[in-house]
């Protein structure tokens, strides 16, 4: 969850460090490649505050997946969603991320 928190507050540089080259990012209305996600994060104003809670995790020798509730605050705007991320092990590279808004 340290990686997830760092990404939630991060920009393109943080995503560049964590995303696998073949990663897919599923957000409302789009499926992004790693390079598209990095560019989008560089263009994003970012969050003022984030909360990650109600974490569930499953893992085996090859992958680890986390599912959690996300709340982001930017000025008066609030975004809540269920997020899911799957990491390739042992590299801890993010291969799949999905956001389902509430």
PDB file of N, CA and C in Angstrom:
ATOM      1  N   UNK A   1       0.823  -1.193   0.000  1.00  0.00           N
ATOM      2  CA  UNK A   1       0.000   0.000   0.000  1.00  0.00           C
ATOM      3  C   UNK A   1       0.866   1.255   0.000  1.00  0.00           C
ATOM      4  N   UNK A   2       2.117   1.131   0.399  1.00  0.00           N
ATOM      5  CA  UNK A   2       3.011   2.289   0.310  1.00  0.00           C
ATOM      6  C   UNK A   2       3.128   2.763  -1.133  1.00  0.00           C
ATOM      7  N   UNK A   3       3.245   1.816  -2.067  1.00  0.00           N
ATOM      8  CA  UNK A   3       3.332   2.175  -3.485  1.00  0.00           C
ATOM      9  C   UNK A   3       2.032   2.847  -3.928  1.00  0.00           C
ATOM     10  N   UNK A   4       0.895   2.294  -3.548  1.00  0.00           N
ATOM     11  CA  UNK A   4      -0.395   2.867  -3.942  1.00  0.00           C
ATOM     12  C   UNK A   4      -0.539   4.300  -3.418  1.00  0.00           C
ATOM     13  N   UNK A   5      -0.128   4.536  -2.186  1.00  0.00           N
ATOM     14  CA  UNK A   5      -0.231   5.877  -1.609  1.00  0.00           C
ATOM     15  C   UNK A   5       0.698   6.843  -2.341  1.00  0.00           C
ATOM     16  N   UNK A   6       1.903   6.379  -2.641  1.00  0.00           N
ATOM     17  CA  UNK A   6       2.855   7.223  -3.376  1.00  0.00           C
ATOM     18  C   UNK A   6       2.312   7.567  -4.761  1.00  0.00           C
ATOM     19  N   UNK A   7       1.697   6.607  -5.441  1.00  0.00           N
ATOM     20  CA  UNK A   7       1.103   6.876  -6.753  1.00  0.00           C
ATOM     21  C   UNK A   7      -0.087   7.823  -6.644  1.00  0.00           C
ATOM     22  N   UNK A   8      -0.901   7.650  -5.612  1.00  0.00           N
ATOM     23  CA  UNK A   8      -2.084   8.494  -5.451  1.00  0.00           C
ATOM     24  C   UNK A   8      -1.715   9.972  -5.327  1.00  0.00           C
ATOM     25  N   UNK A   9      -0.568  10.244  -4.731  1.00  0.00           N
ATOM     26  CA  UNK A   9      -0.115  11.632  -4.566  1.00  0.00           C
ATOM     27  C   UNK A   9       0.918  12.032  -5.615  1.00  0.00           C
ATOM     28  N   UNK A  10       1.292  11.096  -6.483  1.00  0.00           N
ATOM     29  CA  UNK A  10       2.397  11.315  -7.401  1.00  0.00           C
ATOM     30  C   UNK A  10       2.026  11.927  -8.732  1.00  0.00           C
ATOM     31  N   UNK A  11       3.046  12.089  -9.526  1.00  0.00           N
ATOM     32  CA  UNK A  11       2.962  12.614 -10.884  1.00  0.00           C
ATOM     33  C   UNK A  11       3.502  11.533 -11.824  1.00  0.00           C
ATOM     34  N   UNK A  12       3.801  11.924 -13.045  1.00  0.00           N
ATOM     35  CA  UNK A  12       4.295  10.974 -14.033  1.00  0.00           C
ATOM     36  C   UNK A  12       5.559  10.258 -13.611  1.00  0.00           C
ATOM     37  N   UNK A  13       6.450  10.940 -12.920  1.00  0.00           N
ATOM     38  CA  UNK A  13       7.726  10.329 -12.512  1.00  0.00           C
ATOM     39  C   UNK A  13       7.510   9.115 -11.612  1.00  0.00           C
ATOM     40  N   UNK A  14       6.573   9.218 -10.674  1.00  0.00           N
ATOM     41  CA  UNK A  14       6.286   8.088  -9.790  1.00  0.00           C
ATOM     42  C   UNK A  14       5.699   6.918 -10.569  1.00  0.00           C
ATOM     43  N   UNK A  15       4.824   7.219 -11.509  1.00  0.00           N
ATOM     44  CA  UNK A  15       4.237   6.161 -12.333  1.00  0.00           C
ATOM     45  C   UNK A  15       5.289   5.525 -13.236  1.00  0.00           C
ATOM     46  N   UNK A  16       6.202   6.321 -13.764  1.00  0.00           N
ATOM     47  CA  UNK A  16       7.273   5.806 -14.614  1.00  0.00           C
ATOM     48  C   UNK A  16       8.117   4.782 -13.855  1.00  0.00           C
ATOM     49  N   UNK A  17       8.339   5.008 -12.562  1.00  0.00           N
ATOM     50  CA  UNK A  17       9.141   4.097 -11.737  1.00  0.00           C
ATOM     51  C   UNK A  17       8.429   2.777 -11.463  1.00  0.00           C
ATOM     52  N   UNK A  18       7.093   2.786 -11.429  1.00  0.00           N
ATOM     53  CA  UNK A  18       6.333   1.629 -10.953  1.00  0.00           C
ATOM     54  C   UNK A  18       5.651   0.836 -12.070  1.00  0.00           C
ATOM     55  N   UNK A  19       5.188   1.496 -13.116  1.00  0.00           N
ATOM     56  CA  UNK A  19       4.433   0.802 -14.159  1.00  0.00           C
ATOM     57  C   UNK A  19       5.308  -0.147 -14.971  1.00  0.00           C
ATOM     58  N   UNK A  20       4.790  -1.328 -15.224  1.00  0.00           N
ATOM     59  CA  UNK A  20       5.431  -2.246 -16.166  1.00  0.00           C
ATOM     60  C   UNK A  20       5.241  -1.682 -17.573  1.00  0.00           C
ATOM     61  N   UNK A  21       6.129  -1.995 -18.473  1.00  0.00           N
ATOM     62  CA  UNK A  21       6.033  -1.492 -19.848  1.00  0.00           C
ATOM     63  C   UNK A  21       4.724  -1.894 -20.516  1.00  0.00           C
ATOM     64  N   UNK A  22       4.202  -3.076 -20.160  1.00  0.00           N
ATOM     65  CA  UNK A  22       2.976  -3.583 -20.783  1.00  0.00           C
ATOM     66  C   UNK A  22       1.728  -3.322 -19.932  1.00  0.00           C
ATOM     67  N   UNK A  23       1.818  -2.426 -18.958  1.00  0.00           N
ATOM     68  CA  UNK A  23       0.699  -2.150 -18.045  1.00  0.00           C
ATOM     69  C   UNK A  23      -0.512  -1.571 -18.772  1.00  0.00           C
ATOM     70  N   UNK A  24      -1.686  -1.867 -18.216  1.00  0.00           N
ATOM     71  CA  UNK A  24      -2.939  -1.266 -18.666  1.00  0.00           C
ATOM     72  C   UNK A  24      -3.596  -0.596 -17.470  1.00  0.00           C
ATOM     73  N   UNK A  25      -4.108   0.616 -17.694  1.00  0.00           N
ATOM     74  CA  UNK A  25      -4.769   1.405 -16.666  1.00  0.00           C
ATOM     75  C   UNK A  25      -6.198   1.648 -17.138  1.00  0.00           C
ATOM     76  N   UNK A  26      -7.179   1.141 -16.384  1.00  0.00           N
ATOM     77  CA  UNK A  26      -8.586   1.251 -16.756  1.00  0.00           C
ATOM     78  C   UNK A  26      -9.219   2.331 -15.870  1.00  0.00           C
ATOM     79  N   UNK A  27      -9.585   3.434 -16.506  1.00  0.00           N
ATOM     80  CA  UNK A  27     -10.231   4.548 -15.809  1.00  0.00           C
ATOM     81  C   UNK A  27     -11.578   4.790 -16.483  1.00  0.00           C
ATOM     82  N   UNK A  28     -12.472   5.519 -15.839  1.00  0.00           N
ATOM     83  CA  UNK A  28     -13.776   5.750 -16.466  1.00  0.00           C
ATOM     84  C   UNK A  28     -13.642   6.312 -17.882  1.00  0.00           C
ATOM     85  N   UNK A  29     -14.145   5.564 -18.846  1.00  0.00           N
ATOM     86  CA  UNK A  29     -14.152   6.011 -20.230  1.00  0.00           C
ATOM     87  C   UNK A  29     -12.905   5.750 -21.040  1.00  0.00           C
ATOM     88  N   UNK A  30     -11.881   5.092 -20.448  1.00  0.00           N
ATOM     89  CA  UNK A  30     -10.643   4.884 -21.214  1.00  0.00           C
ATOM     90  C   UNK A  30      -9.823   3.725 -20.663  1.00  0.00           C
ATOM     91  N   UNK A  31      -9.030   3.148 -21.550  1.00  0.00           N
ATOM     92  CA  UNK A  31      -7.999   2.186 -21.176  1.00  0.00           C
ATOM     93  C   UNK A  31      -6.687   2.782 -21.665  1.00  0.00           C
ATOM     94  N   UNK A  32      -5.767   3.017 -20.725  1.00  0.00           N
ATOM     95  CA  UNK A  32      -4.511   3.692 -21.042  1.00  0.00           C
ATOM     96  C   UNK A  32      -3.340   2.722 -21.005  1.00  0.00           C
ATOM     97  N   UNK A  33      -2.373   2.943 -21.882  1.00  0.00           N
ATOM     98  CA  UNK A  33      -1.101   2.239 -21.813  1.00  0.00           C
ATOM     99  C   UNK A  33      -0.253   2.911 -20.742  1.00  0.00           C
ATOM    100  N   UNK A  34       0.874   2.324 -20.434  1.00  0.00           N
ATOM    101  CA  UNK A  34       1.771   2.919 -19.436  1.00  0.00           C
ATOM    102  C   UNK A  34       2.183   4.328 -19.849  1.00  0.00           C
ATOM    103  N   UNK A  35       2.588   4.508 -21.093  1.00  0.00           N
ATOM    104  CA  UNK A  35       3.037   5.835 -21.532  1.00  0.00           C
ATOM    105  C   UNK A  35       1.898   6.850 -21.531  1.00  0.00           C
ATOM    106  N   UNK A  36       0.683   6.424 -21.882  1.00  0.00           N
ATOM    107  CA  UNK A  36      -0.467   7.330 -21.846  1.00  0.00           C
ATOM    108  C   UNK A  36      -0.806   7.729 -20.404  1.00  0.00           C
ATOM    109  N   UNK A  37      -0.695   6.786 -19.484  1.00  0.00           N
ATOM    110  CA  UNK A  37      -0.960   7.069 -18.081  1.00  0.00           C
ATOM    111  C   UNK A  37       0.059   8.057 -17.522  1.00  0.00           C
ATOM    112  N   UNK A  38       1.320   7.852 -17.826  1.00  0.00           N
ATOM    113  CA  UNK A  38       2.377   8.756 -17.354  1.00  0.00           C
ATOM    114  C   UNK A  38       2.118  10.171 -17.858  1.00  0.00           C
ATOM    115  N   UNK A  39       1.784  10.310 -19.137  1.00  0.00           N
ATOM    116  CA  UNK A  39       1.484  11.632 -19.706  1.00  0.00           C
ATOM    117  C   UNK A  39       0.271  12.257 -19.031  1.00  0.00           C
ATOM    118  N   UNK A  40      -0.764  11.456 -18.785  1.00  0.00           N
ATOM    119  CA  UNK A  40      -1.979  11.969 -18.132  1.00  0.00           C
ATOM    120  C   UNK A  40      -1.674  12.443 -16.718  1.00  0.00           C
ATOM    121  N   UNK A  41      -0.833  11.720 -16.008  1.00  0.00           N
ATOM    122  CA  UNK A  41      -0.488  12.130 -14.638  1.00  0.00           C
ATOM    123  C   UNK A  41       0.347  13.409 -14.644  1.00  0.00           C
ATOM    124  N   UNK A  42       1.186  13.592 -15.640  1.00  0.00           N
ATOM    125  CA  UNK A  42       1.948  14.840 -15.745  1.00  0.00           C
ATOM    126  C   UNK A  42       1.033  16.025 -16.029  1.00  0.00           C
ATOM    127  N   UNK A  43      -0.097  15.776 -16.708  1.00  0.00           N
ATOM    128  CA  UNK A  43      -1.057  16.837 -17.023  1.00  0.00           C
ATOM    129  C   UNK A  43      -2.097  17.057 -15.919  1.00  0.00           C
ATOM    130  N   UNK A  44      -2.140  16.166 -14.937  1.00  0.00           N
ATOM    131  CA  UNK A  44      -3.140  16.238 -13.873  1.00  0.00           C
ATOM    132  C   UNK A  44      -2.716  17.222 -12.787  1.00  0.00           C
ATOM    133  N   UNK A  45      -3.677  17.943 -12.202  1.00  0.00           N
ATOM    134  CA  UNK A  45      -3.332  18.838 -11.098  1.00  0.00           C
ATOM    135  C   UNK A  45      -3.032  18.092  -9.795  1.00  0.00           C
ATOM    136  N   UNK A  46      -3.313  16.808  -9.734  1.00  0.00           N
ATOM    137  CA  UNK A  46      -3.040  16.036  -8.523  1.00  0.00           C
ATOM    138  C   UNK A  46      -4.079  16.267  -7.434  1.00  0.00           C
ATOM    139  N   UNK A  47      -3.945  15.509  -6.365  1.00  0.00           N
ATOM    140  CA  UNK A  47      -4.866  15.577  -5.238  1.00  0.00           C
ATOM    141  C   UNK A  47      -4.245  16.376  -4.102  1.00  0.00           C
ATOM    142  N   UNK A  48      -5.078  17.131  -3.389  1.00  0.00           N
ATOM    143  CA  UNK A  48      -4.620  17.825  -2.185  1.00  0.00           C
ATOM    144  C   UNK A  48      -4.496  16.851  -1.022  1.00  0.00           C
ATOM    145  N   UNK A  49      -5.400  15.868  -1.011  1.00  0.00           N
ATOM    146  CA  UNK A  49      -5.464  14.908   0.087  1.00  0.00           C
ATOM    147  C   UNK A  49      -6.052  13.603  -0.433  1.00  0.00           C
ATOM    148  N   UNK A  50      -5.538  12.476   0.051  1.00  0.00           N
ATOM    149  CA  UNK A  50      -6.093  11.174  -0.330  1.00  0.00           C
ATOM    150  C   UNK A  50      -6.252  10.295   0.903  1.00  0.00           C
ATOM    151  N   UNK A  51      -7.255   9.422   0.835  1.00  0.00           N
ATOM    152  CA  UNK A  51      -7.465   8.402   1.860  1.00  0.00           C
ATOM    153  C   UNK A  51      -7.625   7.071   1.147  1.00  0.00           C
ATOM    154  N   UNK A  52      -6.878   6.063   1.608  1.00  0.00           N
ATOM    155  CA  UNK A  52      -6.965   4.702   1.087  1.00  0.00           C
ATOM    156  C   UNK A  52      -7.365   3.823   2.265  1.00  0.00           C
ATOM    157  N   UNK A  53      -8.492   3.115   2.128  1.00  0.00           N
ATOM    158  CA  UNK A  53      -8.972   2.342   3.279  1.00  0.00           C
ATOM    159  C   UNK A  53      -9.667   1.061   2.830  1.00  0.00           C
ATOM    160  N   UNK A  54     -10.031   0.235   3.813  1.00  0.00           N
ATOM    161  CA  UNK A  54     -10.713  -1.039   3.574  1.00  0.00           C
ATOM    162  C   UNK A  54      -9.956  -1.899   2.560  1.00  0.00           C
ATOM    163  N   UNK A  55      -8.676  -2.088   2.826  1.00  0.00           N
ATOM    164  CA  UNK A  55      -7.766  -2.791   1.911  1.00  0.00           C
ATOM    165  C   UNK A  55      -7.977  -4.297   1.990  1.00  0.00           C
ATOM    166  N   UNK A  56      -8.035  -4.914   0.826  1.00  0.00           N
ATOM    167  CA  UNK A  56      -8.045  -6.377   0.698  1.00  0.00           C
ATOM    168  C   UNK A  56      -6.904  -6.755  -0.232  1.00  0.00           C
ATOM    169  N   UNK A  57      -6.238  -7.872   0.046  1.00  0.00           N
ATOM    170  CA  UNK A  57      -5.116  -8.286  -0.789  1.00  0.00           C
ATOM    171  C   UNK A  57      -5.148  -9.792  -1.000  1.00  0.00           C
ATOM    172  N   UNK A  58      -4.773 -10.188  -2.215  1.00  0.00           N
ATOM    173  CA  UNK A  58      -4.523 -11.594  -2.517  1.00  0.00           C
ATOM    174  C   UNK A  58      -3.170 -11.659  -3.208  1.00  0.00           C
ATOM    175  N   UNK A  59      -2.435 -12.731  -2.965  1.00  0.00           N
ATOM    176  CA  UNK A  59      -1.095 -12.834  -3.549  1.00  0.00           C
ATOM    177  C   UNK A  59      -0.701 -14.288  -3.709  1.00  0.00           C
ATOM    178  N   UNK A  60       0.178 -14.518  -4.667  1.00  0.00           N
ATOM    179  CA  UNK A  60       0.845 -15.801  -4.809  1.00  0.00           C
ATOM    180  C   UNK A  60       2.287 -15.492  -5.200  1.00  0.00           C
ATOM    181  N   UNK A  61       3.017 -16.460  -5.683  1.00  0.00           N
ATOM    182  CA  UNK A  61       4.430 -16.250  -5.995  1.00  0.00           C
ATOM    183  C   UNK A  61       4.649 -15.312  -7.183  1.00  0.00           C
ATOM    184  N   UNK A  62       3.657 -15.192  -8.079  1.00  0.00           N
ATOM    185  CA  UNK A  62       3.835 -14.411  -9.309  1.00  0.00           C
ATOM    186  C   UNK A  62       3.191 -13.031  -9.270  1.00  0.00           C
ATOM    187  N   UNK A  63       2.094 -12.855  -8.511  1.00  0.00           N
ATOM    188  CA  UNK A  63       1.360 -11.587  -8.510  1.00  0.00           C
ATOM    189  C   UNK A  63       0.816 -11.264  -7.121  1.00  0.00           C
ATOM    190  N   UNK A  64       0.544  -9.981  -6.930  1.00  0.00           N
ATOM    191  CA  UNK A  64      -0.168  -9.513  -5.736  1.00  0.00           C
ATOM    192  C   UNK A  64      -1.186  -8.494  -6.204  1.00  0.00           C
ATOM    193  N   UNK A  65      -2.419  -8.624  -5.713  1.00  0.00           N
ATOM    194  CA  UNK A  65      -3.476  -7.679  -6.063  1.00  0.00           C
ATOM    195  C   UNK A  65      -4.030  -7.050  -4.798  1.00  0.00           C
ATOM    196  N   UNK A  66      -4.259  -5.735  -4.867  1.00  0.00           N
ATOM    197  CA  UNK A  66      -4.893  -5.019  -3.766  1.00  0.00           C
ATOM    198  C   UNK A  66      -6.148  -4.339  -4.288  1.00  0.00           C
ATOM    199  N   UNK A  67      -7.184  -4.346  -3.463  1.00  0.00           N
ATOM    200  CA  UNK A  67      -8.450  -3.677  -3.760  1.00  0.00           C
ATOM    201  C   UNK A  67      -8.754  -2.807  -2.550  1.00  0.00           C
ATOM    202  N   UNK A  68      -9.138  -1.553  -2.795  1.00  0.00           N
ATOM    203  CA  UNK A  68      -9.370  -0.649  -1.669  1.00  0.00           C
ATOM    204  C   UNK A  68     -10.279   0.504  -2.074  1.00  0.00           C
ATOM    205  N   UNK A  69     -10.766   1.193  -1.063  1.00  0.00           N
ATOM    206  CA  UNK A  69     -11.595   2.368  -1.266  1.00  0.00           C
ATOM    207  C   UNK A  69     -10.688   3.597  -1.295  1.00  0.00           C
ATOM    208  N   UNK A  70     -10.881   4.422  -2.315  1.00  0.00           N
ATOM    209  CA  UNK A  70     -10.077   5.638  -2.506  1.00  0.00           C
ATOM    210  C   UNK A  70     -10.980   6.857  -2.350  1.00  0.00           C
ATOM    211  N   UNK A  71     -10.464   7.856  -1.650  1.00  0.00           N
ATOM    212  CA  UNK A  71     -11.122   9.158  -1.594  1.00  0.00           C
ATOM    213  C   UNK A  71     -10.054  10.201  -1.843  1.00  0.00           C
ATOM    214  N   UNK A  72     -10.270  11.022  -2.855  1.00  0.00           N
ATOM    215  CA  UNK A  72      -9.347  12.109  -3.176  1.00  0.00           C
ATOM    216  C   UNK A  72     -10.060  13.439  -3.091  1.00  0.00           C
ATOM    217  N   UNK A  73      -9.360  14.427  -2.555  1.00  0.00           N
ATOM    218  CA  UNK A  73      -9.909  15.777  -2.413  1.00  0.00           C
ATOM    219  C   UNK A  73      -8.993  16.751  -3.150  1.00  0.00           C
ATOM    220  N   UNK A  74      -9.605  17.575  -4.015  1.00  0.00           N
ATOM    221  CA  UNK A  74      -8.886  18.621  -4.738  1.00  0.00           C
ATOM    222  C   UNK A  74      -9.758  19.869  -4.643  1.00  0.00           C
ATOM    223  N   UNK A  75      -9.374  20.803  -3.770  1.00  0.00           N
ATOM    224  CA  UNK A  75     -10.228  21.958  -3.548  1.00  0.00           C
ATOM    225  C   UNK A  75     -11.574  21.488  -3.034  1.00  0.00           C
ATOM    226  N   UNK A  76     -12.641  21.890  -3.691  1.00  0.00           N
ATOM    227  CA  UNK A  76     -13.995  21.478  -3.308  1.00  0.00           C
ATOM    228  C   UNK A  76     -14.426  20.178  -3.972  1.00  0.00           C
ATOM    229  N   UNK A  77     -13.615  19.657  -4.875  1.00  0.00           N
ATOM    230  CA  UNK A  77     -13.954  18.448  -5.622  1.00  0.00           C
ATOM    231  C   UNK A  77     -13.521  17.207  -4.855  1.00  0.00           C
ATOM    232  N   UNK A  78     -14.445  16.244  -4.733  1.00  0.00           N
ATOM    233  CA  UNK A  78     -14.132  14.970  -4.095  1.00  0.00           C
ATOM    234  C   UNK A  78     -14.414  13.839  -5.079  1.00  0.00           C
ATOM    235  N   UNK A  79     -13.527  12.855  -5.107  1.00  0.00           N
ATOM    236  CA  UNK A  79     -13.676  11.689  -5.974  1.00  0.00           C
ATOM    237  C   UNK A  79     -13.570  10.459  -5.094  1.00  0.00           C
ATOM    238  N   UNK A  80     -14.560   9.573  -5.187  1.00  0.00           N
ATOM    239  CA  UNK A  80     -14.506   8.315  -4.456  1.00  0.00           C
ATOM    240  C   UNK A  80     -14.658   7.167  -5.448  1.00  0.00           C
ATOM    241  N   UNK A  81     -13.900   6.103  -5.208  1.00  0.00           N
ATOM    242  CA  UNK A  81     -13.910   4.967  -6.121  1.00  0.00           C
ATOM    243  C   UNK A  81     -13.352   3.741  -5.417  1.00  0.00           C
ATOM    244  N   UNK A  82     -13.674   2.592  -5.977  1.00  0.00           N
ATOM    245  CA  UNK A  82     -13.001   1.361  -5.591  1.00  0.00           C
ATOM    246  C   UNK A  82     -11.869   1.161  -6.591  1.00  0.00           C
ATOM    247  N   UNK A  83     -10.671   0.986  -6.087  1.00  0.00           N
ATOM    248  CA  UNK A  83      -9.494   0.810  -6.936  1.00  0.00           C
ATOM    249  C   UNK A  83      -8.945  -0.597  -6.776  1.00  0.00           C
ATOM    250  N   UNK A  84      -8.401  -1.127  -7.858  1.00  0.00           N
ATOM    251  CA  UNK A  84      -7.765  -2.438  -7.840  1.00  0.00           C
ATOM    252  C   UNK A  84      -6.464  -2.353  -8.613  1.00  0.00           C
ATOM    253  N   UNK A  85      -5.401  -2.889  -8.020  1.00  0.00           N
ATOM    254  CA  UNK A  85      -4.089  -2.894  -8.668  1.00  0.00           C
ATOM    255  C   UNK A  85      -3.471  -4.276  -8.563  1.00  0.00           C
ATOM    256  N   UNK A  86      -2.865  -4.723  -9.654  1.00  0.00           N
ATOM    257  CA  UNK A  86      -2.166  -6.003  -9.667  1.00  0.00           C
ATOM    258  C   UNK A  86      -0.700  -5.755 -10.004  1.00  0.00           C
ATOM    259  N   UNK A  87       0.160  -6.323  -9.173  1.00  0.00           N
ATOM    260  CA  UNK A  87       1.607  -6.175  -9.315  1.00  0.00           C
ATOM    261  C   UNK A  87       2.245  -7.494  -9.700  1.00  0.00           C
ATOM    262  N   UNK A  88       3.236  -7.422 -10.566  1.00  0.00           N
ATOM    263  CA  UNK A  88       4.036  -8.584 -10.939  1.00  0.00           C
ATOM    264  C   UNK A  88       5.132  -8.732  -9.875  1.00  0.00           C
ATOM    265  N   UNK A  89       5.305  -9.941  -9.382  1.00  0.00           N
ATOM    266  CA  UNK A  89       6.333 -10.204  -8.371  1.00  0.00           C
ATOM    267  C   UNK A  89       7.475 -10.994  -8.982  1.00  0.00           C
ATOM    268  N   UNK A  90       8.678 -10.876  -8.485  1.00  0.00           N
ATOM    269  CA  UNK A  90       9.078 -10.084  -7.324  1.00  0.00           C
ATOM    270  C   UNK A  90       9.421  -8.623  -7.654  1.00  0.00           C
ATOM    271  N   UNK A  91       9.249  -8.209  -8.904  1.00  0.00           N
ATOM    272  CA  UNK A  91       9.675  -6.861  -9.318  1.00  0.00           C
ATOM    273  C   UNK A  91       8.827  -5.737  -8.729  1.00  0.00           C
ATOM    274  N   UNK A  92       7.601  -6.067  -8.274  1.00  0.00           N
ATOM    275  CA  UNK A  92       6.660  -5.075  -7.744  1.00  0.00           C
ATOM    276  C   UNK A  92       6.314  -4.011  -8.798  1.00  0.00           C
ATOM    277  N   UNK A  93       6.231  -4.449 -10.063  1.00  0.00           N
ATOM    278  CA  UNK A  93       5.832  -3.561 -11.157  1.00  0.00           C
ATOM    279  C   UNK A  93       4.328  -3.688 -11.348  1.00  0.00           C
ATOM    280  N   UNK A  94       3.652  -2.552 -11.468  1.00  0.00           N
ATOM    281  CA  UNK A  94       2.208  -2.501 -11.639  1.00  0.00           C
ATOM    282  C   UNK A  94       1.848  -2.895 -13.067  1.00  0.00           C
ATOM    283  N   UNK A  95       1.016  -3.928 -13.230  1.00  0.00           N
ATOM    284  CA  UNK A  95       0.645  -4.406 -14.562  1.00  0.00           C
ATOM    285  C   UNK A  95      -0.801  -4.093 -14.928  1.00  0.00           C
ATOM    286  N   UNK A  96      -1.683  -3.941 -13.913  1.00  0.00           N
ATOM    287  CA  UNK A  96      -3.087  -3.647 -14.190  1.00  0.00           C
ATOM    288  C   UNK A  96      -3.661  -2.833 -13.043  1.00  0.00           C
ATOM    289  N   UNK A  97      -4.343  -1.757 -13.410  1.00  0.00           N
ATOM    290  CA  UNK A  97      -4.998  -0.901 -12.408  1.00  0.00           C
ATOM    291  C   UNK A  97      -6.369  -0.519 -12.946  1.00  0.00           C
ATOM    292  N   UNK A  98      -7.386  -0.585 -12.078  1.00  0.00           N
ATOM    293  CA  UNK A  98      -8.737  -0.216 -12.483  1.00  0.00           C
ATOM    294  C   UNK A  98      -9.391   0.652 -11.421  1.00  0.00           C
ATOM    295  N   UNK A  99     -10.135   1.664 -11.890  1.00  0.00           N
ATOM    296  CA  UNK A  99     -10.908   2.531 -11.009  1.00  0.00           C
ATOM    297  C   UNK A  99     -12.391   2.370 -11.325  1.00  0.00           C
ATOM    298  N   UNK A 100     -13.180   2.131 -10.275  1.00  0.00           N
ATOM    299  CA  UNK A 100     -14.626   2.060 -10.418  1.00  0.00           C
ATOM    300  C   UNK A 100     -15.229   3.145  -9.525  1.00  0.00           C
ATOM    301  N   UNK A 101     -15.644   4.280 -10.107  1.00  0.00           N
ATOM    302  CA  UNK A 101     -16.176   5.393  -9.301  1.00  0.00           C
ATOM    303  C   UNK A 101     -17.462   4.991  -8.587  1.00  0.00           C
ATOM    304  N   UNK A 102     -17.707   5.624  -7.473  1.00  0.00           N
ATOM    305  CA  UNK A 102     -18.955   5.417  -6.719  1.00  0.00           C
ATOM    306  C   UNK A 102     -19.986   6.406  -7.183  1.00  0.00           C
TER     307      UNK A 102
END
